[in-house]
Amino acid sequence: MKREDFRFAHRLRVRWAETDLQGVVFNANYYLYFDVAITEYWRAIGFNYPAGLVEAYGTDLYAVASSAQFHTPAAYDEELDVACRASRIGRTSAAFALGIWRGDEHLTSGELVYVNADPATRKPVPFPQALLDKIHGFELVAPDKKK
């Protein structure tokens, strides 16, 4: 994973409550950082979530998989850049690659996979074209024909 593979990153500062007795960020908090980055990614691409999806189309995103690899820990009061990019976009699901850096040092790699679904049935439904257009326009990638 290379920092230059990402067009978007959100800077945050590690808070005291996010660290453990070892003096480093508790592992589960990296998923919180990933979630913050996804939220900021929507803003960066100009997509208003949840209104642009839930209210406009009656669908919502559900996390179906997540992973993280911890290379080097972060500590209290350090500034981190949490980078996010769409790594795969299918008809009903999308994967996002995430990376966390402290300056030039790569700390954490991760992936979150979401499925677009009908909230009533929780069954997958295709992404609205408006969302796909925003992601593709930002990432400059062609759609993936996989599910």
N, C-alpha and C. Protein backbone atom coordinates (compact mmCIF):
# COMPACT_ATOMS: atom_id res chain seq x y z
N MET A 1 0.85 -1.17 0.00
CA MET A 1 0.00 0.00 0.00
C MET A 1 0.89 1.24 0.00
N LYS A 2 0.59 2.15 -0.94
CA LYS A 2 1.38 3.37 -1.05
C LYS A 2 0.48 4.59 -0.85
N ARG A 3 0.97 5.57 -0.16
CA ARG A 3 0.20 6.79 0.13
C ARG A 3 -0.24 7.45 -1.17
N GLU A 4 0.62 7.41 -2.19
CA GLU A 4 0.29 8.09 -3.44
C GLU A 4 -0.82 7.39 -4.24
N ASP A 5 -1.25 6.20 -3.79
CA ASP A 5 -2.38 5.52 -4.43
C ASP A 5 -3.73 6.11 -4.02
N PHE A 6 -3.71 7.05 -3.10
CA PHE A 6 -4.94 7.62 -2.56
C PHE A 6 -5.06 9.09 -2.95
N ARG A 7 -6.23 9.47 -3.42
CA ARG A 7 -6.51 10.87 -3.73
C ARG A 7 -7.06 11.60 -2.51
N PHE A 8 -7.55 10.85 -1.53
CA PHE A 8 -8.22 11.46 -0.38
C PHE A 8 -7.62 10.97 0.92
N ALA A 9 -7.42 11.89 1.86
CA ALA A 9 -7.02 11.54 3.23
C ALA A 9 -7.62 12.56 4.18
N HIS A 10 -7.96 12.09 5.36
CA HIS A 10 -8.51 12.94 6.41
C HIS A 10 -7.54 12.92 7.59
N ARG A 11 -7.17 14.09 8.07
CA ARG A 11 -6.25 14.18 9.21
C ARG A 11 -7.04 14.19 10.50
N LEU A 12 -6.55 13.41 11.47
CA LEU A 12 -7.13 13.43 12.81
C LEU A 12 -6.02 13.31 13.84
N ARG A 13 -6.36 13.67 15.06
CA ARG A 13 -5.40 13.61 16.17
C ARG A 13 -5.88 12.55 17.15
N VAL A 14 -4.96 11.70 17.58
CA VAL A 14 -5.29 10.63 18.53
C VAL A 14 -5.66 11.26 19.88
N ARG A 15 -6.83 10.88 20.38
CA ARG A 15 -7.29 11.36 21.68
C ARG A 15 -6.89 10.37 22.77
N TRP A 16 -6.79 10.88 23.97
CA TRP A 16 -6.36 10.07 25.13
C TRP A 16 -7.24 8.82 25.29
N ALA A 17 -8.55 9.00 25.14
CA ALA A 17 -9.49 7.90 25.35
C ALA A 17 -9.33 6.78 24.32
N GLU A 18 -8.62 7.03 23.23
CA GLU A 18 -8.43 6.02 22.18
C GLU A 18 -7.21 5.14 22.42
N THR A 19 -6.46 5.44 23.47
CA THR A 19 -5.26 4.65 23.76
C THR A 19 -5.54 3.65 24.88
N ASP A 20 -4.65 2.66 24.99
CA ASP A 20 -4.82 1.63 26.00
C ASP A 20 -3.69 1.71 27.03
N LEU A 21 -3.63 0.74 27.92
CA LEU A 21 -2.60 0.74 28.96
C LEU A 21 -1.19 0.60 28.41
N GLN A 22 -1.06 0.15 27.18
CA GLN A 22 0.26 0.06 26.54
C GLN A 22 0.71 1.41 25.98
N GLY A 23 -0.18 2.41 26.04
CA GLY A 23 0.16 3.74 25.57
C GLY A 23 0.01 3.93 24.06
N VAL A 24 -0.67 2.99 23.41
CA VAL A 24 -0.89 3.09 21.96
C VAL A 24 -2.38 3.02 21.67
N VAL A 25 -2.75 3.35 20.44
CA VAL A 25 -4.16 3.30 20.05
C VAL A 25 -4.66 1.86 20.18
N PHE A 26 -5.76 1.68 20.89
CA PHE A 26 -6.39 0.38 21.04
C PHE A 26 -6.85 -0.09 19.66
N ASN A 27 -6.62 -1.35 19.35
CA ASN A 27 -6.83 -1.86 17.98
C ASN A 27 -8.22 -1.57 17.41
N ALA A 28 -9.27 -1.69 18.20
CA ALA A 28 -10.62 -1.47 17.67
C ALA A 28 -10.84 -0.03 17.23
N ASN A 29 -10.07 0.90 17.77
CA ASN A 29 -10.24 2.30 17.40
C ASN A 29 -9.79 2.59 15.97
N TYR A 30 -8.97 1.73 15.40
CA TYR A 30 -8.60 1.93 14.00
C TYR A 30 -9.83 1.81 13.10
N TYR A 31 -10.79 0.97 13.49
CA TYR A 31 -12.03 0.87 12.73
C TYR A 31 -12.86 2.15 12.86
N LEU A 32 -12.79 2.79 14.01
CA LEU A 32 -13.42 4.10 14.18
C LEU A 32 -12.77 5.10 13.22
N TYR A 33 -11.45 5.08 13.12
CA TYR A 33 -10.75 5.98 12.21
C TYR A 33 -11.15 5.69 10.76
N PHE A 34 -11.30 4.41 10.42
CA PHE A 34 -11.75 4.05 9.07
C PHE A 34 -13.14 4.63 8.80
N ASP A 35 -14.03 4.51 9.79
CA ASP A 35 -15.40 5.01 9.63
C ASP A 35 -15.40 6.53 9.44
N VAL A 36 -14.58 7.23 10.20
CA VAL A 36 -14.47 8.69 10.04
C VAL A 36 -14.00 9.00 8.61
N ALA A 37 -13.02 8.26 8.12
CA ALA A 37 -12.50 8.50 6.77
C ALA A 37 -13.57 8.26 5.71
N ILE A 38 -14.38 7.21 5.88
CA ILE A 38 -15.45 6.94 4.92
C ILE A 38 -16.45 8.11 4.91
N THR A 39 -16.81 8.61 6.09
CA THR A 39 -17.73 9.74 6.19
C THR A 39 -17.15 10.96 5.47
N GLU A 40 -15.88 11.23 5.69
CA GLU A 40 -15.24 12.38 5.06
C GLU A 40 -15.04 12.15 3.56
N TYR A 41 -14.87 10.89 3.16
CA TYR A 41 -14.77 10.56 1.73
C TYR A 41 -16.06 10.95 1.01
N TRP A 42 -17.22 10.62 1.62
CA TRP A 42 -18.49 11.01 0.99
C TRP A 42 -18.55 12.51 0.78
N ARG A 43 -18.12 13.26 1.78
CA ARG A 43 -18.10 14.72 1.64
C ARG A 43 -17.16 15.14 0.51
N ALA A 44 -15.99 14.54 0.45
CA ALA A 44 -14.98 14.90 -0.55
C ALA A 44 -15.45 14.66 -1.97
N ILE A 45 -16.23 13.60 -2.18
CA ILE A 45 -16.70 13.32 -3.55
C ILE A 45 -18.00 14.06 -3.86
N GLY A 46 -18.53 14.80 -2.89
CA GLY A 46 -19.74 15.58 -3.12
C GLY A 46 -21.01 14.78 -3.01
N PHE A 47 -20.98 13.71 -2.22
CA PHE A 47 -22.18 12.89 -2.04
C PHE A 47 -22.68 13.05 -0.62
N ASN A 48 -23.93 13.45 -0.48
CA ASN A 48 -24.52 13.69 0.83
C ASN A 48 -25.09 12.38 1.39
N TYR A 49 -24.31 11.73 2.25
CA TYR A 49 -24.78 10.51 2.90
C TYR A 49 -25.15 10.88 4.33
N PRO A 50 -26.30 10.48 4.82
CA PRO A 50 -27.21 9.48 4.27
C PRO A 50 -28.30 10.01 3.35
N ALA A 51 -28.56 11.32 3.37
CA ALA A 51 -29.71 11.85 2.61
C ALA A 51 -29.64 11.48 1.13
N GLY A 52 -28.46 11.54 0.54
CA GLY A 52 -28.31 11.27 -0.88
C GLY A 52 -28.57 9.83 -1.27
N LEU A 53 -28.63 8.94 -0.30
CA LEU A 53 -28.89 7.53 -0.58
C LEU A 53 -30.18 7.08 0.09
N VAL A 54 -30.23 7.20 1.40
CA VAL A 54 -31.37 6.70 2.17
C VAL A 54 -32.65 7.45 1.81
N GLU A 55 -32.60 8.77 1.89
CA GLU A 55 -33.80 9.55 1.64
C GLU A 55 -34.13 9.63 0.15
N ALA A 56 -33.12 9.76 -0.70
CA ALA A 56 -33.36 9.93 -2.13
C ALA A 56 -33.73 8.63 -2.84
N TYR A 57 -33.13 7.50 -2.42
CA TYR A 57 -33.33 6.25 -3.14
C TYR A 57 -33.93 5.12 -2.32
N GLY A 58 -34.05 5.33 -1.01
CA GLY A 58 -34.64 4.29 -0.16
C GLY A 58 -33.75 3.08 0.05
N THR A 59 -32.44 3.25 -0.15
CA THR A 59 -31.50 2.16 0.10
C THR A 59 -30.47 2.64 1.12
N ASP A 60 -29.70 1.70 1.64
CA ASP A 60 -28.66 2.07 2.60
C ASP A 60 -27.49 1.12 2.46
N LEU A 61 -26.36 1.55 3.00
CA LEU A 61 -25.14 0.75 2.95
C LEU A 61 -24.99 -0.05 4.23
N TYR A 62 -24.64 -1.31 4.07
CA TYR A 62 -24.42 -2.20 5.21
C TYR A 62 -23.01 -2.76 5.11
N ALA A 63 -22.26 -2.65 6.19
CA ALA A 63 -20.92 -3.24 6.22
C ALA A 63 -21.06 -4.75 6.27
N VAL A 64 -20.33 -5.44 5.40
CA VAL A 64 -20.39 -6.90 5.37
C VAL A 64 -19.03 -7.54 5.64
N ALA A 65 -17.97 -6.76 5.56
CA ALA A 65 -16.63 -7.30 5.85
C ALA A 65 -15.70 -6.16 6.21
N SER A 66 -14.77 -6.46 7.08
CA SER A 66 -13.75 -5.48 7.44
C SER A 66 -12.48 -6.21 7.84
N SER A 67 -11.36 -5.56 7.57
CA SER A 67 -10.08 -6.15 7.96
C SER A 67 -9.09 -5.02 8.22
N ALA A 68 -8.12 -5.32 9.04
CA ALA A 68 -7.05 -4.36 9.33
C ALA A 68 -5.76 -5.11 9.60
N GLN A 69 -4.69 -4.54 9.13
CA GLN A 69 -3.35 -5.04 9.43
C GLN A 69 -2.61 -3.91 10.12
N PHE A 70 -2.04 -4.24 11.27
CA PHE A 70 -1.37 -3.24 12.09
C PHE A 70 0.14 -3.39 11.91
N HIS A 71 0.76 -2.37 11.33
CA HIS A 71 2.18 -2.42 11.05
C HIS A 71 3.01 -1.77 12.16
N THR A 72 2.56 -0.60 12.61
CA THR A 72 3.25 0.16 13.65
C THR A 72 2.18 0.92 14.44
N PRO A 73 2.27 0.97 15.76
CA PRO A 73 1.21 1.64 16.52
C PRO A 73 1.29 3.17 16.49
N ALA A 74 0.15 3.78 16.73
CA ALA A 74 0.05 5.22 16.92
C ALA A 74 -0.16 5.48 18.41
N ALA A 75 0.16 6.69 18.84
CA ALA A 75 0.06 7.03 20.26
C ALA A 75 -0.68 8.34 20.44
N TYR A 76 -1.00 8.63 21.70
CA TYR A 76 -1.72 9.83 22.09
C TYR A 76 -1.12 11.09 21.48
N ASP A 77 -2.00 11.95 20.98
CA ASP A 77 -1.72 13.28 20.47
C ASP A 77 -0.98 13.30 19.13
N GLU A 78 -0.78 12.16 18.53
CA GLU A 78 -0.15 12.13 17.21
C GLU A 78 -1.17 12.48 16.14
N GLU A 79 -0.73 13.19 15.12
CA GLU A 79 -1.59 13.48 13.98
C GLU A 79 -1.43 12.36 12.96
N LEU A 80 -2.58 11.86 12.52
CA LEU A 80 -2.60 10.76 11.56
C LEU A 80 -3.38 11.17 10.32
N ASP A 81 -2.95 10.66 9.18
CA ASP A 81 -3.70 10.82 7.95
C ASP A 81 -4.34 9.48 7.63
N VAL A 82 -5.67 9.48 7.54
CA VAL A 82 -6.42 8.27 7.23
C VAL A 82 -6.89 8.41 5.78
N ALA A 83 -6.28 7.62 4.91
CA ALA A 83 -6.58 7.70 3.48
C ALA A 83 -7.63 6.65 3.11
N CYS A 84 -8.44 7.00 2.12
CA CYS A 84 -9.54 6.12 1.71
C CYS A 84 -9.70 6.22 0.20
N ARG A 85 -9.98 5.08 -0.42
CA ARG A 85 -10.31 5.08 -1.84
C ARG A 85 -11.21 3.89 -2.15
N ALA A 86 -12.03 4.04 -3.16
CA ALA A 86 -12.84 2.93 -3.64
C ALA A 86 -11.90 2.00 -4.40
N SER A 87 -11.77 0.78 -3.93
CA SER A 87 -10.85 -0.16 -4.58
C SER A 87 -11.57 -1.13 -5.50
N ARG A 88 -12.87 -1.30 -5.30
CA ARG A 88 -13.68 -2.13 -6.18
C ARG A 88 -15.12 -1.66 -6.08
N ILE A 89 -15.73 -1.46 -7.22
CA ILE A 89 -17.12 -1.03 -7.26
C ILE A 89 -17.88 -2.00 -8.13
N GLY A 90 -18.83 -2.67 -7.52
CA GLY A 90 -19.66 -3.60 -8.27
C GLY A 90 -21.06 -3.07 -8.46
N ARG A 91 -21.96 -3.95 -8.83
CA ARG A 91 -23.36 -3.56 -9.05
C ARG A 91 -24.06 -3.24 -7.74
N THR A 92 -23.80 -4.07 -6.69
CA THR A 92 -24.47 -3.88 -5.40
C THR A 92 -23.51 -3.75 -4.22
N SER A 93 -22.22 -3.92 -4.46
CA SER A 93 -21.26 -3.83 -3.36
C SER A 93 -20.03 -3.04 -3.78
N ALA A 94 -19.35 -2.54 -2.78
CA ALA A 94 -18.12 -1.77 -3.02
C ALA A 94 -17.14 -2.04 -1.90
N ALA A 95 -15.88 -2.09 -2.27
CA ALA A 95 -14.80 -2.25 -1.29
C ALA A 95 -14.00 -0.95 -1.24
N PHE A 96 -13.61 -0.58 -0.04
CA PHE A 96 -12.81 0.61 0.17
C PHE A 96 -11.50 0.22 0.82
N ALA A 97 -10.40 0.64 0.22
CA ALA A 97 -9.08 0.45 0.81
C ALA A 97 -8.81 1.64 1.72
N LEU A 98 -8.21 1.35 2.87
CA LEU A 98 -7.89 2.40 3.83
C LEU A 98 -6.45 2.23 4.29
N GLY A 99 -5.81 3.33 4.54
CA GLY A 99 -4.45 3.30 5.06
C GLY A 99 -4.27 4.44 6.04
N ILE A 100 -3.48 4.20 7.06
CA ILE A 100 -3.22 5.24 8.05
C ILE A 100 -1.72 5.50 8.08
N TRP A 101 -1.38 6.79 8.00
CA TRP A 101 0.01 7.22 8.01
C TRP A 101 0.24 8.25 9.10
N ARG A 102 1.43 8.21 9.66
CA ARG A 102 1.94 9.26 10.55
C ARG A 102 3.11 9.86 9.79
N GLY A 103 2.85 11.00 9.17
CA GLY A 103 3.86 11.54 8.25
C GLY A 103 4.04 10.57 7.10
N ASP A 104 5.27 10.15 6.86
CA ASP A 104 5.56 9.20 5.79
C ASP A 104 5.50 7.74 6.25
N GLU A 105 5.27 7.52 7.53
CA GLU A 105 5.29 6.16 8.08
C GLU A 105 3.91 5.51 7.99
N HIS A 106 3.85 4.38 7.30
CA HIS A 106 2.60 3.65 7.11
C HIS A 106 2.33 2.80 8.35
N LEU A 107 1.21 3.09 9.04
CA LEU A 107 0.90 2.42 10.30
C LEU A 107 -0.07 1.26 10.15
N THR A 108 -1.10 1.45 9.35
CA THR A 108 -2.20 0.49 9.30
C THR A 108 -2.75 0.41 7.88
N SER A 109 -3.14 -0.80 7.48
CA SER A 109 -3.83 -1.03 6.21
C SER A 109 -5.17 -1.66 6.53
N GLY A 110 -6.18 -1.35 5.73
CA GLY A 110 -7.47 -1.95 5.99
C GLY A 110 -8.37 -1.97 4.78
N GLU A 111 -9.48 -2.67 4.94
CA GLU A 111 -10.50 -2.73 3.90
C GLU A 111 -11.86 -2.82 4.56
N LEU A 112 -12.81 -2.08 4.00
CA LEU A 112 -14.20 -2.18 4.39
C LEU A 112 -15.01 -2.49 3.14
N VAL A 113 -15.94 -3.43 3.27
CA VAL A 113 -16.81 -3.80 2.16
C VAL A 113 -18.25 -3.51 2.57
N TYR A 114 -18.95 -2.81 1.69
CA TYR A 114 -20.34 -2.45 1.93
C TYR A 114 -21.23 -3.02 0.84
N VAL A 115 -22.46 -3.35 1.21
CA VAL A 115 -23.48 -3.76 0.25
C VAL A 115 -24.61 -2.74 0.32
N ASN A 116 -25.06 -2.31 -0.85
CA ASN A 116 -26.23 -1.43 -0.93
C ASN A 116 -27.46 -2.32 -0.88
N ALA A 117 -28.37 -2.03 0.04
CA ALA A 117 -29.53 -2.91 0.23
C ALA A 117 -30.78 -2.12 0.55
N ASP A 118 -31.89 -2.78 0.35
CA ASP A 118 -33.20 -2.26 0.76
C ASP A 118 -33.30 -2.45 2.27
N PRO A 119 -33.49 -1.38 3.05
CA PRO A 119 -33.54 -1.51 4.50
C PRO A 119 -34.65 -2.44 5.01
N ALA A 120 -35.76 -2.52 4.29
CA ALA A 120 -36.87 -3.36 4.73
C ALA A 120 -36.56 -4.84 4.59
N THR A 121 -35.91 -5.20 3.50
CA THR A 121 -35.64 -6.62 3.24
C THR A 121 -34.20 -7.02 3.51
N ARG A 122 -33.31 -6.03 3.58
CA ARG A 122 -31.87 -6.24 3.71
C ARG A 122 -31.30 -7.05 2.54
N LYS A 123 -31.99 -7.01 1.43
CA LYS A 123 -31.54 -7.68 0.21
C LYS A 123 -30.76 -6.68 -0.65
N PRO A 124 -29.66 -7.12 -1.26
CA PRO A 124 -28.87 -6.22 -2.11
C PRO A 124 -29.68 -5.67 -3.28
N VAL A 125 -29.43 -4.40 -3.56
CA VAL A 125 -30.02 -3.74 -4.72
C VAL A 125 -28.90 -2.94 -5.40
N PRO A 126 -29.04 -2.68 -6.69
CA PRO A 126 -27.99 -1.92 -7.39
C PRO A 126 -27.79 -0.53 -6.81
N PHE A 127 -26.55 -0.07 -6.89
CA PHE A 127 -26.24 1.30 -6.49
C PHE A 127 -26.97 2.28 -7.41
N PRO A 128 -27.42 3.40 -6.88
CA PRO A 128 -27.95 4.44 -7.75
C PRO A 128 -26.84 4.97 -8.67
N GLN A 129 -27.18 5.26 -9.88
CA GLN A 129 -26.19 5.75 -10.84
C GLN A 129 -25.54 7.04 -10.35
N ALA A 130 -26.29 7.88 -9.63
CA ALA A 130 -25.74 9.14 -9.12
C ALA A 130 -24.55 8.89 -8.19
N LEU A 131 -24.65 7.88 -7.35
CA LEU A 131 -23.53 7.55 -6.45
C LEU A 131 -22.35 7.00 -7.25
N LEU A 132 -22.62 6.10 -8.17
CA LEU A 132 -21.55 5.55 -9.00
C LEU A 132 -20.84 6.66 -9.77
N ASP A 133 -21.59 7.59 -10.31
CA ASP A 133 -20.99 8.70 -11.05
C ASP A 133 -20.07 9.53 -10.17
N LYS A 134 -20.49 9.78 -8.92
CA LYS A 134 -19.65 10.56 -8.00
C LYS A 134 -18.35 9.81 -7.69
N ILE A 135 -18.46 8.52 -7.39
CA ILE A 135 -17.26 7.74 -7.06
C ILE A 135 -16.34 7.66 -8.27
N HIS A 136 -16.89 7.30 -9.43
CA HIS A 136 -16.06 7.16 -10.63
C HIS A 136 -15.43 8.49 -11.03
N GLY A 137 -16.19 9.55 -10.91
CA GLY A 137 -15.65 10.86 -11.23
C GLY A 137 -14.49 11.25 -10.33
N PHE A 138 -14.59 10.89 -9.07
CA PHE A 138 -13.53 11.22 -8.12
C PHE A 138 -12.33 10.30 -8.28
N GLU A 139 -12.59 9.03 -8.40
CA GLU A 139 -11.51 8.04 -8.45
C GLU A 139 -10.92 7.87 -9.85
N LEU A 140 -11.66 8.31 -10.86
CA LEU A 140 -11.21 8.17 -12.25
C LEU A 140 -10.99 6.70 -12.61
N VAL A 141 -11.96 5.88 -12.22
CA VAL A 141 -11.88 4.44 -12.54
C VAL A 141 -13.12 4.04 -13.31
N ALA A 142 -13.00 2.95 -14.04
CA ALA A 142 -14.14 2.41 -14.77
C ALA A 142 -14.89 1.45 -13.85
N PRO A 143 -16.20 1.30 -14.04
CA PRO A 143 -16.96 0.38 -13.20
C PRO A 143 -16.49 -1.05 -13.35
N ASP A 144 -16.55 -1.77 -12.26
CA ASP A 144 -16.23 -3.20 -12.23
C ASP A 144 -17.54 -3.94 -12.46
N LYS A 145 -17.53 -4.93 -13.30
CA LYS A 145 -18.77 -5.65 -13.62
C LYS A 145 -19.09 -6.75 -12.62
N LYS A 146 -18.22 -6.97 -11.65
CA LYS A 146 -18.49 -7.99 -10.63
C LYS A 146 -19.55 -7.50 -9.67
N LYS A 147 -20.16 -8.44 -8.95
CA LYS A 147 -21.18 -8.09 -7.97
C LYS A 147 -20.59 -7.36 -6.81
